[in-house]
C-alpha atoms as a PDB file:
ATOM      1  CA  MET A   1      11.721 -26.184  26.660  1.00  0.00           C
ATOM      2  CA  ALA A   2      13.032 -22.952  27.654  1.00  0.00           C
ATOM      3  CA  ALA A   3      10.285 -20.233  26.935  1.00  0.00           C
ATOM      4  CA  LEU A   4      10.422 -17.833  24.033  1.00  0.00           C
ATOM      5  CA  SER A   5      11.794 -14.151  24.674  1.00  0.00           C
ATOM      6  CA  PRO A   6       9.565 -11.066  24.345  1.00  0.00           C
ATOM      7  CA  ALA A   7      11.547 -10.154  21.402  1.00  0.00           C
ATOM      8  CA  ALA A   8      11.633 -13.822  19.668  1.00  0.00           C
ATOM      9  CA  ALA A   9       7.706 -14.425  19.921  1.00  0.00           C
ATOM     10  CA  PRO A  10       6.723 -11.509  17.652  1.00  0.00           C
ATOM     11  CA  ALA A  11       9.246 -12.204  15.151  1.00  0.00           C
ATOM     12  CA  SER A  12       7.944 -15.982  15.234  1.00  0.00           C
ATOM     13  CA  GLY A  13       4.296 -14.651  14.562  1.00  0.00           C
ATOM     14  CA  VAL A  14       5.718 -12.585  11.904  1.00  0.00           C
ATOM     15  CA  ALA A  15       7.595 -15.653  10.129  1.00  0.00           C
ATOM     16  CA  ARG A  16       4.210 -17.737  10.437  1.00  0.00           C
ATOM     17  CA  THR A  17       2.256 -15.325   9.074  1.00  0.00           C
ATOM     18  CA  VAL A  18       4.552 -14.850   5.935  1.00  0.00           C
ATOM     19  CA  ARG A  19       4.996 -18.578   5.782  1.00  0.00           C
ATOM     20  CA  ASP A  20       1.292 -19.182   5.759  1.00  0.00           C
ATOM     21  CA  GLY A  21       0.793 -16.433   3.719  1.00  0.00           C
ATOM     22  CA  MET A  22       2.694 -17.809   1.069  1.00  0.00           C
ATOM     23  CA  ILE A  23       0.892 -21.128   0.876  1.00  0.00           C
ATOM     24  CA  ILE A  24      -2.272 -19.402   0.704  1.00  0.00           C
ATOM     25  CA  ALA A  25      -0.897 -17.418  -2.315  1.00  0.00           C
ATOM     26  CA  TRP A  26       0.245 -20.638  -3.858  1.00  0.00           C
ATOM     27  CA  ARG A  27      -3.196 -22.040  -3.597  1.00  0.00           C
ATOM     28  CA  ASN A  28      -4.702 -18.775  -4.998  1.00  0.00           C
ATOM     29  CA  LEU A  29      -2.373 -19.558  -8.116  1.00  0.00           C
ATOM     30  CA  LEU A  30      -3.095 -23.066  -8.745  1.00  0.00           C
ATOM     31  CA  ASN A  31      -6.928 -22.186  -8.461  1.00  0.00           C
ATOM     32  CA  LEU A  32      -6.414 -19.629 -11.496  1.00  0.00           C
ATOM     33  CA  ARG A  33      -6.429 -22.885 -13.615  1.00  0.00           C
ATOM     34  CA  ARG A  34     -10.327 -23.263 -13.062  1.00  0.00           C
ATOM     35  CA  THR A  35     -10.830 -19.371 -13.707  1.00  0.00           C
ATOM     36  CA  PRO A  36      -8.739 -19.024 -16.860  1.00  0.00           C
ATOM     37  CA  GLY A  37     -10.929 -16.010 -17.701  1.00  0.00           C
ATOM     38  CA  SER A  38     -10.049 -13.906 -15.022  1.00  0.00           C
ATOM     39  CA  VAL A  39      -6.174 -14.417 -16.141  1.00  0.00           C
ATOM     40  CA  ILE A  40      -7.042 -13.449 -19.856  1.00  0.00           C
ATOM     41  CA  ALA A  41      -9.213 -10.302 -18.454  1.00  0.00           C
ATOM     42  CA  ALA A  42      -6.207  -9.351 -16.428  1.00  0.00           C
ATOM     43  CA  LEU A  43      -3.955  -9.769 -19.656  1.00  0.00           C
ATOM     44  CA  ILE A  44      -6.148  -8.057 -22.187  1.00  0.00           C
ATOM     45  CA  GLN A  45      -7.362  -4.932 -20.563  1.00  0.00           C
ATOM     46  CA  PRO A  46      -3.927  -3.604 -20.535  1.00  0.00           C
ATOM     47  CA  LEU A  47      -2.812  -4.410 -24.006  1.00  0.00           C
ATOM     48  CA  MET A  48      -6.279  -3.171 -25.094  1.00  0.00           C
ATOM     49  CA  PHE A  49      -5.309   0.053 -23.688  1.00  0.00           C
ATOM     50  CA  VAL A  50      -1.955   0.200 -25.217  1.00  0.00           C
ATOM     51  CA  LEU A  51      -3.177  -0.264 -28.950  1.00  0.00           C
ATOM     52  CA  LEU A  52      -6.213   2.044 -28.437  1.00  0.00           C
ATOM     53  CA  LEU A  53      -4.191   5.065 -26.608  1.00  0.00           C
ATOM     54  CA  ALA A  54      -1.032   4.482 -28.917  1.00  0.00           C
ATOM     55  CA  TYR A  55      -2.793   4.265 -32.196  1.00  0.00           C
ATOM     56  CA  VAL A  56      -6.109   6.055 -31.615  1.00  0.00           C
ATOM     57  CA  PHE A  57      -4.533   9.115 -29.751  1.00  0.00           C
ATOM     58  CA  GLY A  58      -0.843   8.698 -30.405  1.00  0.00           C
ATOM     59  CA  GLY A  59      -0.763  10.429 -33.555  1.00  0.00           C
ATOM     60  CA  SER A  60      -2.024  13.776 -32.320  1.00  0.00           C
ATOM     61  CA  LEU A  61       0.026  13.501 -29.179  1.00  0.00           C
ATOM     62  CA  GLY A  62       3.326  12.982 -30.337  1.00  0.00           C
ATOM     63  CA  GLY A  63       3.511   9.813 -32.548  1.00  0.00           C
ATOM     64  CA  ASP A  64       6.425   7.325 -31.567  1.00  0.00           C
ATOM     65  CA  GLY A  65       7.401   9.827 -28.908  1.00  0.00           C
ATOM     66  CA  TYR A  66       3.959   9.545 -27.327  1.00  0.00           C
ATOM     67  CA  ARG A  67       3.904   5.588 -27.513  1.00  0.00           C
ATOM     68  CA  SER A  68       7.176   5.746 -25.298  1.00  0.00           C
ATOM     69  CA  PHE A  69       5.776   8.057 -22.846  1.00  0.00           C
ATOM     70  CA  LEU A  70       2.269   6.006 -22.764  1.00  0.00           C
ATOM     71  CA  MET A  71       3.860   2.807 -21.480  1.00  0.00           C
ATOM     72  CA  GLY A  72       4.680   4.430 -17.819  1.00  0.00           C
ATOM     73  CA  GLY A  73       1.232   5.315 -17.530  1.00  0.00           C
ATOM     74  CA  ILE A  74       0.022   1.839 -18.789  1.00  0.00           C
ATOM     75  CA  PHE A  75       2.166  -0.110 -16.142  1.00  0.00           C
ATOM     76  CA  ALA A  76       0.847   2.454 -13.385  1.00  0.00           C
ATOM     77  CA  GLN A  77      -2.888   1.870 -14.520  1.00  0.00           C
ATOM     78  CA  ALA A  78      -2.480  -1.708 -14.925  1.00  0.00           C
ATOM     79  CA  VAL A  79      -1.429  -2.599 -11.624  1.00  0.00           C
ATOM     80  CA  THR A  80      -3.812  -0.324 -10.048  1.00  0.00           C
ATOM     81  CA  PHE A  81      -6.894  -2.205 -11.828  1.00  0.00           C
ATOM     82  CA  ASN A  82      -5.606  -5.276 -10.652  1.00  0.00           C
ATOM     83  CA  ALA A  83      -6.743  -4.275  -7.285  1.00  0.00           C
ATOM     84  CA  SER A  84     -10.159  -5.131  -8.400  1.00  0.00           C
ATOM     85  CA  PHE A  85      -9.080  -8.742  -8.845  1.00  0.00           C
ATOM     86  CA  THR A  86      -7.979  -8.735  -5.007  1.00  0.00           C
ATOM     87  CA  ALA A  87     -11.136  -7.337  -3.989  1.00  0.00           C
ATOM     88  CA  ILE A  88     -13.430 -10.099  -5.961  1.00  0.00           C
ATOM     89  CA  GLY A  89     -10.921 -12.851  -5.193  1.00  0.00           C
ATOM     90  CA  LEU A  90     -11.614 -12.285  -1.250  1.00  0.00           C
ATOM     91  CA  ALA A  91     -15.200 -11.685  -1.723  1.00  0.00           C
ATOM     92  CA  SER A  92     -15.445 -14.802  -3.480  1.00  0.00           C
ATOM     93  CA  ASP A  93     -13.681 -16.973  -0.790  1.00  0.00           C
ATOM     94  CA  MET A  94     -16.275 -15.275   1.800  1.00  0.00           C
ATOM     95  CA  ASP A  95     -19.213 -16.495  -0.646  1.00  0.00           C
ATOM     96  CA  LYS A  96     -17.680 -20.070  -0.993  1.00  0.00           C
ATOM     97  CA  GLY A  97     -17.377 -20.439   2.845  1.00  0.00           C
ATOM     98  CA  MET A  98     -13.714 -20.417   2.644  1.00  0.00           C
ATOM     99  CA  VAL A  99     -13.190 -17.913   5.407  1.00  0.00           C
ATOM    100  CA  ASP A 100     -14.848 -20.471   7.782  1.00  0.00           C
ATOM    101  CA  ARG A 101     -12.625 -23.171   6.757  1.00  0.00           C
ATOM    102  CA  PHE A 102      -9.525 -21.235   7.193  1.00  0.00           C
ATOM    103  CA  ARG A 103     -10.731 -19.742  10.380  1.00  0.00           C
ATOM    104  CA  ALA A 104     -10.495 -23.371  11.943  1.00  0.00           C
ATOM    105  CA  LEU A 105      -6.971 -24.011  10.964  1.00  0.00           C
ATOM    106  CA  PRO A 106      -4.138 -23.042  13.169  1.00  0.00           C
ATOM    107  CA  MET A 107      -2.933 -19.960  11.135  1.00  0.00           C
ATOM    108  CA  PRO A 108      -2.683 -16.215  11.700  1.00  0.00           C
ATOM    109  CA  ARG A 109      -5.584 -14.246  10.577  1.00  0.00           C
ATOM    110  CA  GLY A 110      -3.352 -11.959   8.603  1.00  0.00           C
ATOM    111  CA  SER A 111      -2.152 -14.847   6.278  1.00  0.00           C
ATOM    112  CA  VAL A 112      -5.451 -15.150   4.240  1.00  0.00           C
ATOM    113  CA  ILE A 113      -5.233 -11.844   3.072  1.00  0.00           C
ATOM    114  CA  LEU A 114      -1.196 -11.394   2.490  1.00  0.00           C
ATOM    115  CA  GLY A 115      -1.857 -14.655   0.472  1.00  0.00           C
ATOM    116  CA  ARG A 116      -4.284 -12.991  -1.547  1.00  0.00           C
ATOM    117  CA  THR A 117      -2.237  -9.972  -2.080  1.00  0.00           C
ATOM    118  CA  LEU A 118       0.950 -12.048  -2.929  1.00  0.00           C
ATOM    119  CA  SER A 119      -0.540 -14.140  -5.525  1.00  0.00           C
ATOM    120  CA  ASP A 120      -2.470 -11.066  -6.805  1.00  0.00           C
ATOM    121  CA  LEU A 121       1.379  -9.549  -6.984  1.00  0.00           C
ATOM    122  CA  ALA A 122       2.518 -12.487  -9.007  1.00  0.00           C
ATOM    123  CA  MET A 123      -0.231 -11.791 -11.430  1.00  0.00           C
ATOM    124  CA  SER A 124       0.838  -8.261 -11.486  1.00  0.00           C
ATOM    125  CA  ALA A 125       4.465  -9.095 -12.633  1.00  0.00           C
ATOM    126  CA  VAL A 126       2.652 -11.099 -15.243  1.00  0.00           C
ATOM    127  CA  THR A 127       0.731  -8.444 -16.359  1.00  0.00           C
ATOM    128  CA  LEU A 128       3.926  -6.106 -16.568  1.00  0.00           C
ATOM    129  CA  THR A 129       5.728  -8.773 -18.725  1.00  0.00           C
ATOM    130  CA  VAL A 130       2.764  -8.948 -21.106  1.00  0.00           C
ATOM    131  CA  THR A 131       2.565  -5.330 -21.280  1.00  0.00           C
ATOM    132  CA  SER A 132       6.083  -4.567 -21.854  1.00  0.00           C
ATOM    133  CA  LEU A 133       6.198  -6.995 -24.825  1.00  0.00           C
ATOM    134  CA  CYS A 134       3.192  -5.320 -26.345  1.00  0.00           C
ATOM    135  CA  GLY A 135       4.976  -1.953 -25.639  1.00  0.00           C
ATOM    136  CA  LEU A 136       8.062  -3.425 -27.628  1.00  0.00           C
ATOM    137  CA  LEU A 137       5.518  -4.038 -30.744  1.00  0.00           C
ATOM    138  CA  VAL A 138       4.285  -0.374 -30.624  1.00  0.00           C
ATOM    139  CA  GLY A 139       7.782   1.417 -30.469  1.00  0.00           C
ATOM    140  CA  TRP A 140       8.453   1.514 -26.761  1.00  0.00           C
ATOM    141  CA  ARG A 141      12.123   0.892 -25.568  1.00  0.00           C
ATOM    142  CA  VAL A 142      14.110   1.159 -22.488  1.00  0.00           C
ATOM    143  CA  GLU A 143      16.427   4.311 -22.824  1.00  0.00           C
ATOM    144  CA  GLY A 144      18.050   4.075 -19.526  1.00  0.00           C
ATOM    145  CA  THR A 145      20.181   1.597 -17.606  1.00  0.00           C
ATOM    146  CA  ALA A 146      19.375  -2.103 -16.958  1.00  0.00           C
ATOM    147  CA  LEU A 147      19.633  -1.302 -13.321  1.00  0.00           C
ATOM    148  CA  ASP A 148      17.283   1.852 -13.533  1.00  0.00           C
ATOM    149  CA  ALA A 149      14.684  -0.334 -15.591  1.00  0.00           C
ATOM    150  CA  ALA A 150      15.017  -2.906 -12.921  1.00  0.00           C
ATOM    151  CA  ARG A 151      14.317  -0.123 -10.498  1.00  0.00           C
ATOM    152  CA  GLY A 152      11.253   0.944 -12.472  1.00  0.00           C
ATOM    153  CA  TYR A 153       9.673  -2.345 -12.481  1.00  0.00           C
ATOM    154  CA  LEU A 154      10.067  -2.563  -8.916  1.00  0.00           C
ATOM    155  CA  LEU A 155       8.704   0.425  -8.027  1.00  0.00           C
ATOM    156  CA  VAL A 156       5.781  -0.378 -10.159  1.00  0.00           C
ATOM    157  CA  LEU A 157       5.305  -3.861  -8.295  1.00  0.00           C
ATOM    158  CA  VAL A 158       5.503  -2.364  -4.724  1.00  0.00           C
ATOM    159  CA  PHE A 159       2.607   0.253  -5.817  1.00  0.00           C
ATOM    160  CA  ALA A 160       0.623  -2.968  -7.254  1.00  0.00           C
ATOM    161  CA  PHE A 161       1.447  -4.610  -3.905  1.00  0.00           C
ATOM    162  CA  ALA A 162       0.114  -1.459  -2.297  1.00  0.00           C
ATOM    163  CA  MET A 163      -2.994  -1.131  -4.688  1.00  0.00           C
ATOM    164  CA  SER A 164      -3.939  -5.000  -3.616  1.00  0.00           C
ATOM    165  CA  TRP A 165      -4.361  -3.679   0.049  1.00  0.00           C
ATOM    166  CA  VAL A 166      -6.798  -1.202  -1.093  1.00  0.00           C
ATOM    167  CA  GLY A 167      -8.828  -3.994  -3.033  1.00  0.00           C
ATOM    168  CA  ALA A 168      -8.452  -6.280  -0.300  1.00  0.00           C
ATOM    169  CA  THR A 169     -10.270  -3.928   1.953  1.00  0.00           C
ATOM    170  CA  VAL A 170     -12.868  -3.122  -0.819  1.00  0.00           C
ATOM    171  CA  GLY A 171     -13.555  -7.000  -0.677  1.00  0.00           C
ATOM    172  CA  LEU A 172     -13.888  -7.536   2.590  1.00  0.00           C
ATOM    173  CA  VAL A 173     -16.054  -4.653   3.123  1.00  0.00           C
ATOM    174  CA  ALA A 174     -18.465  -5.476   0.159  1.00  0.00           C
ATOM    175  CA  ARG A 175     -18.368  -9.390   1.271  1.00  0.00           C
ATOM    176  CA  SER A 176     -20.044 -10.607  -1.949  1.00  0.00           C
ATOM    177  CA  VAL A 177     -19.048 -10.824  -5.351  1.00  0.00           C
ATOM    178  CA  GLU A 178     -21.462  -8.949  -7.256  1.00  0.00           C
ATOM    179  CA  VAL A 179     -20.838  -5.683  -5.145  1.00  0.00           C
ATOM    180  CA  ALA A 180     -16.965  -6.287  -5.052  1.00  0.00           C
ATOM    181  CA  GLN A 181     -17.231  -6.082  -8.877  1.00  0.00           C
ATOM    182  CA  SER A 182     -18.984  -2.900  -8.653  1.00  0.00           C
ATOM    183  CA  ALA A 183     -17.158  -1.161  -5.875  1.00  0.00           C
ATOM    184  CA  GLY A 184     -14.057  -2.420  -7.190  1.00  0.00           C
ATOM    185  CA  LEU A 185     -14.467  -0.364 -10.314  1.00  0.00           C
ATOM    186  CA  VAL A 186     -15.965   3.047  -8.913  1.00  0.00           C
ATOM    187  CA  TRP A 187     -12.829   4.332  -7.414  1.00  0.00           C
ATOM    188  CA  LEU A 188     -10.265   2.899 -10.022  1.00  0.00           C
ATOM    189  CA  PHE A 189     -11.202   5.259 -13.053  1.00  0.00           C
ATOM    190  CA  PRO A 190     -11.089   8.426 -11.433  1.00  0.00           C
ATOM    191  CA  ILE A 191      -7.801   7.664  -9.710  1.00  0.00           C
ATOM    192  CA  THR A 192      -6.244   6.412 -12.925  1.00  0.00           C
ATOM    193  CA  PHE A 193      -7.755   8.904 -15.424  1.00  0.00           C
ATOM    194  CA  VAL A 194      -7.323  12.155 -13.154  1.00  0.00           C
ATOM    195  CA  SER A 195      -3.562  11.927 -13.374  1.00  0.00           C
ATOM    196  CA  SER A 196      -0.788  12.141 -15.877  1.00  0.00           C
ATOM    197  CA  ALA A 197      -1.004   8.503 -16.719  1.00  0.00           C
ATOM    198  CA  PHE A 198      -2.069   9.423 -20.551  1.00  0.00           C
ATOM    199  CA  VAL A 199      -1.997  13.358 -20.747  1.00  0.00           C
ATOM    200  CA  SER A 200      -0.388  16.224 -19.455  1.00  0.00           C
ATOM    201  CA  VAL A 201      -2.018  17.591 -16.204  1.00  0.00           C
ATOM    202  CA  THR A 202      -1.295  21.398 -17.819  1.00  0.00           C
ATOM    203  CA  SER A 203      -4.826  21.288 -19.483  1.00  0.00           C
ATOM    204  CA  MET A 204      -6.727  20.477 -16.483  1.00  0.00           C
ATOM    205  CA  PRO A 205      -8.612  22.873 -14.722  1.00  0.00           C
ATOM    206  CA  GLY A 206      -7.016  24.150 -11.195  1.00  0.00           C
ATOM    207  CA  PRO A 207      -8.280  22.069  -8.479  1.00  0.00           C
ATOM    208  CA  LEU A 208      -8.381  18.753 -10.833  1.00  0.00           C
ATOM    209  CA  ARG A 209      -5.118  19.552 -12.095  1.00  0.00           C
ATOM    210  CA  VAL A 210      -3.499  19.811  -8.418  1.00  0.00           C
ATOM    211  CA  VAL A 211      -5.178  16.488  -7.465  1.00  0.00           C
ATOM    212  CA  ALA A 212      -3.769  14.896 -10.501  1.00  0.00           C
ATOM    213  CA  GLU A 213      -0.237  16.309  -9.833  1.00  0.00           C
ATOM    214  CA  TRP A 214      -0.295  14.778  -6.478  1.00  0.00           C
ATOM    215  CA  ASN A 215      -1.962  11.479  -7.373  1.00  0.00           C
ATOM    216  CA  PRO A 216       0.217   8.429  -6.759  1.00  0.00           C
ATOM    217  CA  VAL A 217      -0.646   6.707 -10.116  1.00  0.00           C
ATOM    218  CA  SER A 218       0.534  10.268 -11.645  1.00  0.00           C
ATOM    219  CA  ALA A 219       4.051   9.690  -9.370  1.00  0.00           C
ATOM    220  CA  THR A 220       4.319   6.102 -10.424  1.00  0.00           C
ATOM    221  CA  ALA A 221       3.710   6.532 -14.054  1.00  0.00           C
ATOM    222  CA  THR A 222       6.043   9.875 -13.799  1.00  0.00           C
ATOM    223  CA  ALA A 223       8.926   7.681 -11.902  1.00  0.00           C
ATOM    224  CA  ALA A 224       8.493   4.781 -14.347  1.00  0.00           C
ATOM    225  CA  ARG A 225       9.236   6.664 -17.526  1.00  0.00           C
ATOM    226  CA  SER A 226      12.166   8.775 -15.790  1.00  0.00           C
ATOM    227  CA  LEU A 227      13.504   5.112 -14.821  1.00  0.00           C
ATOM    228  CA  PHE A 228      12.873   3.943 -18.366  1.00  0.00           C
ATOM    229  CA  GLY A 229      14.356   7.190 -19.777  1.00  0.00           C
ATOM    230  CA  ASN A 230      11.337   7.909 -21.654  1.00  0.00           C
ATOM    231  CA  ASP A 231      10.965  11.510 -22.435  1.00  0.00           C
ATOM    232  CA  ALA A 232       7.558  13.169 -22.826  1.00  0.00           C
ATOM    233  CA  PRO A 233       6.751  14.769 -26.327  1.00  0.00           C
ATOM    234  CA  ALA A 234       6.122  18.389 -26.181  1.00  0.00           C
ATOM    235  CA  ALA A 235       2.383  17.465 -26.367  1.00  0.00           C
ATOM    236  CA  VAL A 236       2.199  15.952 -23.123  1.00  0.00           C
ATOM    237  CA  ALA A 237       5.132  17.664 -21.129  1.00  0.00           C
ATOM    238  CA  PRO A 238       4.629  17.355 -17.517  1.00  0.00           C
ATOM    239  CA  PRO A 239       4.746  20.645 -15.447  1.00  0.00           C
ATOM    240  CA  GLN A 240       7.313  21.910 -13.461  1.00  0.00           C
ATOM    241  CA  SER A 241       6.171  20.894 -10.012  1.00  0.00           C
ATOM    242  CA  TRP A 242       7.416  19.289  -6.632  1.00  0.00           C
ATOM    243  CA  PRO A 243       5.772  15.551  -7.555  1.00  0.00           C
ATOM    244  CA  VAL A 244       7.246  15.615 -10.752  1.00  0.00           C
ATOM    245  CA  GLU A 245      10.539  16.620 -10.044  1.00  0.00           C
ATOM    246  CA  HIS A 246      10.828  13.975  -6.717  1.00  0.00           C
ATOM    247  CA  ALA A 247       8.289  11.653  -8.762  1.00  0.00           C
ATOM    248  CA  THR A 248      10.388   8.113  -7.606  1.00  0.00           C
ATOM    249  CA  GLY A 249      10.751   9.275  -4.038  1.00  0.00           C
ATOM    250  CA  TYR A 250       7.115  10.508  -3.744  1.00  0.00           C
ATOM    251  CA  ALA A 251       5.866   7.370  -5.466  1.00  0.00           C
ATOM    252  CA  LEU A 252       7.756   4.932  -3.014  1.00  0.00           C
ATOM    253  CA  VAL A 253       6.588   7.089  -0.349  1.00  0.00           C
ATOM    254  CA  CYS A 254       3.026   7.095  -1.119  1.00  0.00           C
ATOM    255  CA  ALA A 255       2.942   3.302  -1.986  1.00  0.00           C
ATOM    256  CA  LEU A 256       4.488   2.611   1.449  1.00  0.00           C
ATOM    257  CA  GLY A 257       2.143   5.109   2.980  1.00  0.00           C
ATOM    258  CA  VAL A 258      -0.764   2.935   1.470  1.00  0.00           C
ATOM    259  CA  ILE A 259       0.262  -0.305   2.956  1.00  0.00           C
ATOM    260  CA  ALA A 260       0.397   1.451   6.386  1.00  0.00           C
ATOM    261  CA  VAL A 261      -2.747   2.855   5.970  1.00  0.00           C
ATOM    262  CA  PHE A 262      -4.882  -0.310   4.656  1.00  0.00           C
ATOM    263  CA  MET A 263      -2.966  -3.223   5.518  1.00  0.00           C
ATOM    264  CA  PRO A 264      -4.207  -2.779   9.393  1.00  0.00           C
ATOM    265  CA  ILE A 265      -7.944  -1.738   8.054  1.00  0.00           C
ATOM    266  CA  ALA A 266      -7.880  -5.299   5.919  1.00  0.00           C
ATOM    267  CA  VAL A 267      -6.551  -7.481   8.597  1.00  0.00           C
ATOM    268  CA  GLY A 268      -8.826  -5.687  11.289  1.00  0.00           C
ATOM    269  CA  ARG A 269     -11.965  -5.983   8.992  1.00  0.00           C
ATOM    270  CA  TYR A 270     -10.785  -9.584   8.506  1.00  0.00           C
ATOM    271  CA  ARG A 271     -10.566 -10.530  12.148  1.00  0.00           C
ATOM    272  CA  ARG A 272     -13.915  -9.066  12.890  1.00  0.00           C
ATOM    273  CA  ILE A 273     -15.609 -11.281  10.096  1.00  0.00           C
ATOM    274  CA  ALA A 274     -13.707 -14.512  11.235  1.00  0.00           C
ATOM    275  CA  ARG A 275     -14.953 -13.980  14.495  1.00  0.00           C
ATOM    276  CA  GLY A 276     -18.605 -13.345  13.560  1.00  0.00           C
END
């Protein structure tokens, strides 16, 4: 048999990683039948925020206009919070000895983490679907074209995939479910609430406003609103700044940048654990 060329070998390795990752992802999705509570939690959380923010704060922030504005922020927040499930899922696998079992199998090391992030990406898609239906009930509508709406959902899912790699890193560092549950939430509240997901950043103090304007969650929420055709009411009008004016491109760059940084960190951490 002829030896593989140097160019073909890496391609084969990537193909094996993706193939085995999809198998692990399917295994993770099947295991959700044993933990329906985690699925319910992933779906109820964004619905709770939709209803609370739409009807508790919506009246003073723009009424129907605010409810439409709100949904872009809810989408960004929901997929960001799903990163905690990635952290807990990987920590649970380590607690149960699944890492030792996977280590004995002839599969690329990155497949286990890729499988976890892919399965959580599927859950994010389900979360977006259910949240969108809830948004329709409170008066949200897609005002743009179908193509723009598809681009909006795709952008949010790319951001979800990026956040899952952050969650994977947290879970691998934590190495226990209890620590992952705490550490997986500590960073989520600041990154989602110090943003323009729910309010305008114009009322924030100077340094906090700068952080919020350049926050990837803000960019993703703003880009989603733009692609869905949801204009902001006067009470939450966004500032005229570069991240706002280039929200779609900036959100995509942020998502790809997060993947580029956290994917090798997570894979490297997993390899050290697997060798231990």
